[in-house]
Amino acid sequence: MGEEKKYKEQRSGAAMMVDEPVMAYGIDSAITDLNVVSPETMKCLIDSAMDDFRLNRCTAHSEMDEWVNMRMGWK
């Protein structure tokens, strides 16, 4: 067994940082995606969500986590 192969050297410079997905992919695309849905549709969606909240039809994130864990058999 001769000489071992070396890994490729990483490029020098500043280390990569983890950014918010919107920042990583560009804020313009997020704004463009919002413009696809008409204002009337957005208003209906918001009204529906608020009605569900008032009628206590919402599930808290913690409850959803517990439900998924139980359903998937995770601890």
N, C-alpha and C. Protein backbone atom coordinates (compact mmCIF):
# COMPACT_ATOMS: atom_id res chain seq x y z
N MET A 1 0.84 -1.16 0.00
CA MET A 1 0.00 0.00 0.00
C MET A 1 0.89 1.23 0.00
N GLY A 2 0.71 1.95 -1.05
CA GLY A 2 1.54 3.14 -1.21
C GLY A 2 0.95 4.36 -0.54
N GLU A 3 1.19 5.44 -1.19
CA GLU A 3 0.77 6.73 -0.66
C GLU A 3 -0.75 6.87 -0.75
N GLU A 4 -1.38 7.37 0.31
CA GLU A 4 -2.83 7.55 0.33
C GLU A 4 -3.24 8.79 -0.45
N LYS A 5 -4.41 8.72 -1.07
CA LYS A 5 -4.92 9.88 -1.78
C LYS A 5 -5.37 10.93 -0.77
N LYS A 6 -5.12 12.16 -1.11
CA LYS A 6 -5.52 13.26 -0.24
C LYS A 6 -6.87 13.78 -0.69
N TYR A 7 -7.63 14.29 0.28
CA TYR A 7 -8.89 14.92 -0.05
C TYR A 7 -8.62 16.22 -0.78
N LYS A 8 -9.61 16.65 -1.58
CA LYS A 8 -9.47 17.93 -2.24
C LYS A 8 -9.37 19.02 -1.18
N GLU A 9 -8.57 19.99 -1.46
CA GLU A 9 -8.45 21.09 -0.51
C GLU A 9 -9.66 21.99 -0.67
N GLN A 10 -10.16 22.45 0.46
CA GLN A 10 -11.30 23.36 0.41
C GLN A 10 -10.80 24.74 0.04
N ARG A 11 -11.66 25.47 -0.64
CA ARG A 11 -11.25 26.80 -1.04
C ARG A 11 -11.07 27.66 0.20
N SER A 12 -10.10 28.52 0.13
CA SER A 12 -9.84 29.38 1.27
C SER A 12 -10.79 30.56 1.24
N GLY A 13 -10.95 31.21 2.34
CA GLY A 13 -11.86 32.35 2.41
C GLY A 13 -12.74 32.22 3.62
N ALA A 14 -13.74 33.07 3.66
CA ALA A 14 -14.65 33.08 4.80
C ALA A 14 -15.46 31.79 4.84
N ALA A 15 -15.69 31.33 6.03
CA ALA A 15 -16.49 30.11 6.20
C ALA A 15 -17.93 30.39 5.79
N MET A 16 -18.60 29.36 5.28
CA MET A 16 -20.00 29.53 4.90
C MET A 16 -20.85 29.69 6.15
N MET A 17 -21.88 30.47 6.04
CA MET A 17 -22.77 30.69 7.16
C MET A 17 -24.16 30.20 6.77
N VAL A 18 -24.91 29.75 7.74
CA VAL A 18 -26.29 29.32 7.51
C VAL A 18 -27.17 30.56 7.55
N ASP A 19 -27.96 30.74 6.51
CA ASP A 19 -28.85 31.89 6.44
C ASP A 19 -30.29 31.42 6.41
N GLU A 20 -31.19 32.36 6.63
CA GLU A 20 -32.61 32.07 6.47
C GLU A 20 -32.84 31.64 5.03
N PRO A 21 -33.76 30.69 4.79
CA PRO A 21 -34.01 30.25 3.41
C PRO A 21 -34.36 31.38 2.46
N VAL A 22 -35.12 32.35 2.93
CA VAL A 22 -35.49 33.46 2.05
C VAL A 22 -34.25 34.23 1.62
N MET A 23 -33.32 34.40 2.55
CA MET A 23 -32.10 35.12 2.21
C MET A 23 -31.22 34.30 1.28
N ALA A 24 -31.20 33.00 1.48
CA ALA A 24 -30.36 32.14 0.65
C ALA A 24 -30.87 32.07 -0.78
N TYR A 25 -32.18 32.05 -0.95
CA TYR A 25 -32.75 31.90 -2.29
C TYR A 25 -33.20 33.22 -2.90
N GLY A 26 -33.09 34.28 -2.15
CA GLY A 26 -33.46 35.59 -2.67
C GLY A 26 -34.84 36.00 -2.24
N ILE A 27 -34.93 37.21 -1.77
CA ILE A 27 -36.21 37.70 -1.26
C ILE A 27 -37.18 37.97 -2.40
N ASP A 28 -36.65 38.25 -3.59
CA ASP A 28 -37.52 38.56 -4.73
C ASP A 28 -38.45 37.40 -5.06
N SER A 29 -37.95 36.17 -4.96
CA SER A 29 -38.79 35.03 -5.30
C SER A 29 -39.94 34.88 -4.31
N ALA A 30 -39.71 35.19 -3.03
CA ALA A 30 -40.78 35.10 -2.04
C ALA A 30 -41.86 36.13 -2.32
N ILE A 31 -41.45 37.32 -2.70
CA ILE A 31 -42.42 38.36 -3.01
C ILE A 31 -43.18 38.01 -4.28
N THR A 32 -42.48 37.48 -5.27
CA THR A 32 -43.13 37.06 -6.51
C THR A 32 -44.17 35.98 -6.23
N ASP A 33 -43.84 35.03 -5.36
CA ASP A 33 -44.79 33.97 -5.03
C ASP A 33 -46.05 34.54 -4.39
N LEU A 34 -45.90 35.56 -3.56
CA LEU A 34 -47.08 36.16 -2.94
C LEU A 34 -47.96 36.87 -3.97
N ASN A 35 -47.36 37.41 -5.00
CA ASN A 35 -48.13 38.13 -6.01
C ASN A 35 -48.92 37.19 -6.92
N VAL A 36 -48.65 35.91 -6.87
CA VAL A 36 -49.38 34.95 -7.70
C VAL A 36 -50.81 34.78 -7.20
N VAL A 37 -50.99 34.85 -5.89
CA VAL A 37 -52.32 34.70 -5.29
C VAL A 37 -53.00 36.06 -5.27
N SER A 38 -54.23 36.11 -5.73
CA SER A 38 -54.95 37.38 -5.80
C SER A 38 -55.25 37.89 -4.38
N PRO A 39 -55.37 39.21 -4.24
CA PRO A 39 -55.71 39.77 -2.92
C PRO A 39 -57.04 39.25 -2.38
N GLU A 40 -58.00 39.01 -3.26
CA GLU A 40 -59.30 38.50 -2.81
C GLU A 40 -59.16 37.11 -2.20
N THR A 41 -58.35 36.27 -2.86
CA THR A 41 -58.13 34.92 -2.35
C THR A 41 -57.40 34.97 -1.01
N MET A 42 -56.40 35.84 -0.90
CA MET A 42 -55.66 35.97 0.36
C MET A 42 -56.60 36.42 1.48
N LYS A 43 -57.51 37.38 1.16
CA LYS A 43 -58.46 37.85 2.17
C LYS A 43 -59.37 36.71 2.62
N CYS A 44 -59.84 35.90 1.69
CA CYS A 44 -60.69 34.75 2.05
C CYS A 44 -59.94 33.75 2.92
N LEU A 45 -58.67 33.49 2.58
CA LEU A 45 -57.87 32.56 3.37
C LEU A 45 -57.65 33.08 4.79
N ILE A 46 -57.37 34.37 4.91
CA ILE A 46 -57.15 34.97 6.23
C ILE A 46 -58.44 34.93 7.04
N ASP A 47 -59.56 35.30 6.41
CA ASP A 47 -60.86 35.26 7.11
C ASP A 47 -61.18 33.84 7.57
N SER A 48 -60.93 32.87 6.73
CA SER A 48 -61.19 31.47 7.09
C SER A 48 -60.32 31.04 8.28
N ALA A 49 -59.05 31.42 8.25
CA ALA A 49 -58.15 31.07 9.35
C ALA A 49 -58.58 31.73 10.65
N MET A 50 -59.02 32.98 10.57
CA MET A 50 -59.48 33.68 11.77
C MET A 50 -60.77 33.07 12.31
N ASP A 51 -61.68 32.67 11.41
CA ASP A 51 -62.90 31.98 11.85
C ASP A 51 -62.57 30.67 12.55
N ASP A 52 -61.66 29.90 11.98
CA ASP A 52 -61.25 28.64 12.61
C ASP A 52 -60.67 28.89 13.99
N PHE A 53 -59.88 29.95 14.13
CA PHE A 53 -59.29 30.28 15.43
C PHE A 53 -60.38 30.63 16.44
N ARG A 54 -61.33 31.46 16.01
CA ARG A 54 -62.42 31.86 16.91
C ARG A 54 -63.28 30.66 17.34
N LEU A 55 -63.45 29.70 16.44
CA LEU A 55 -64.27 28.52 16.74
C LEU A 55 -63.46 27.40 17.39
N ASN A 56 -62.22 27.71 17.76
CA ASN A 56 -61.34 26.76 18.46
C ASN A 56 -61.06 25.51 17.64
N ARG A 57 -60.91 25.67 16.34
CA ARG A 57 -60.61 24.55 15.45
C ARG A 57 -59.11 24.40 15.17
N CYS A 58 -58.30 25.16 15.87
CA CYS A 58 -56.86 25.16 15.61
C CYS A 58 -56.16 24.14 16.51
N THR A 59 -55.03 23.66 16.03
CA THR A 59 -54.21 22.73 16.81
C THR A 59 -52.87 23.38 17.07
N ALA A 60 -52.48 23.42 18.32
CA ALA A 60 -51.19 24.02 18.68
C ALA A 60 -50.05 23.18 18.11
N HIS A 61 -48.91 23.84 17.85
CA HIS A 61 -47.76 23.12 17.31
C HIS A 61 -47.31 22.00 18.23
N SER A 62 -47.35 22.26 19.54
CA SER A 62 -46.92 21.23 20.50
C SER A 62 -47.84 20.01 20.43
N GLU A 63 -49.14 20.25 20.28
CA GLU A 63 -50.08 19.14 20.15
C GLU A 63 -49.86 18.39 18.84
N MET A 64 -49.56 19.12 17.78
CA MET A 64 -49.31 18.48 16.48
C MET A 64 -48.05 17.62 16.56
N ASP A 65 -47.01 18.12 17.24
CA ASP A 65 -45.79 17.34 17.42
C ASP A 65 -46.07 16.03 18.16
N GLU A 66 -46.86 16.14 19.25
CA GLU A 66 -47.20 14.94 20.02
C GLU A 66 -48.00 13.96 19.16
N TRP A 67 -48.94 14.47 18.38
CA TRP A 67 -49.77 13.62 17.53
C TRP A 67 -48.93 12.90 16.49
N VAL A 68 -48.01 13.62 15.85
CA VAL A 68 -47.15 13.01 14.83
C VAL A 68 -46.25 11.96 15.47
N ASN A 69 -45.66 12.30 16.60
CA ASN A 69 -44.78 11.34 17.29
C ASN A 69 -45.53 10.06 17.65
N MET A 70 -46.74 10.22 18.19
CA MET A 70 -47.54 9.05 18.56
C MET A 70 -47.92 8.25 17.32
N ARG A 71 -48.35 8.95 16.29
CA ARG A 71 -48.80 8.27 15.06
C ARG A 71 -47.67 7.51 14.37
N MET A 72 -46.45 8.09 14.42
CA MET A 72 -45.31 7.49 13.76
C MET A 72 -44.61 6.47 14.66
N GLY A 73 -45.00 6.41 15.92
CA GLY A 73 -44.37 5.48 16.85
C GLY A 73 -43.03 5.97 17.38
N TRP A 74 -42.81 7.29 17.31
CA TRP A 74 -41.57 7.87 17.83
C TRP A 74 -41.78 8.22 19.28
N LYS A 75 -40.68 8.31 20.00
CA LYS A 75 -40.78 8.67 21.43
C LYS A 75 -40.48 10.11 21.65
